[in-house]
Amino acid sequence: MLRVAKGKGVYRNLIAADVTEPLGLTGYRGIVSAGTFTLGHVGPEGILPLLEIAEKGCLFVISVNAQHYQSVEFEVLFAKIDPQIVDLTFEDVRTYSDKADLSHRYDIARLVQFKKA
């Protein structure tokens, strides 16, 4: 995926990293994630290192597979980090259109939005 991103020529930096570990970065004012927090990938522990690299006021928009959200208890993490974030909202949306394969047609993503306090 990084090779494809590099080929676009629009990214200042491309970083291969384990988001469940400290990232050693600073100064981010916006963090968007899609496809990371899903079944078989990254759980809520991946949000903490992202919070560490964010500046105060940083906007987070994170898509979490709704089934994954429930099964690994993301709500516990959000309760824990509540003092560090503001404007926490959730919106459940269908991931795929009516044309998608039946096995995924009704998959739901939970869009989580908040700012670092």
Foldseek 3Di string as FASTA:
>chain_A
DVVVVVVVVPDPDDDDDDLLDADPAADAQEEEEDPAAEPPHDHLSSVVNVLVRHDAFRKYKYKHFPVSCVVRVNVVVCVVCVVQKPDWDKDKDQPADPPDDPVRRRTIIIIIIIGTD
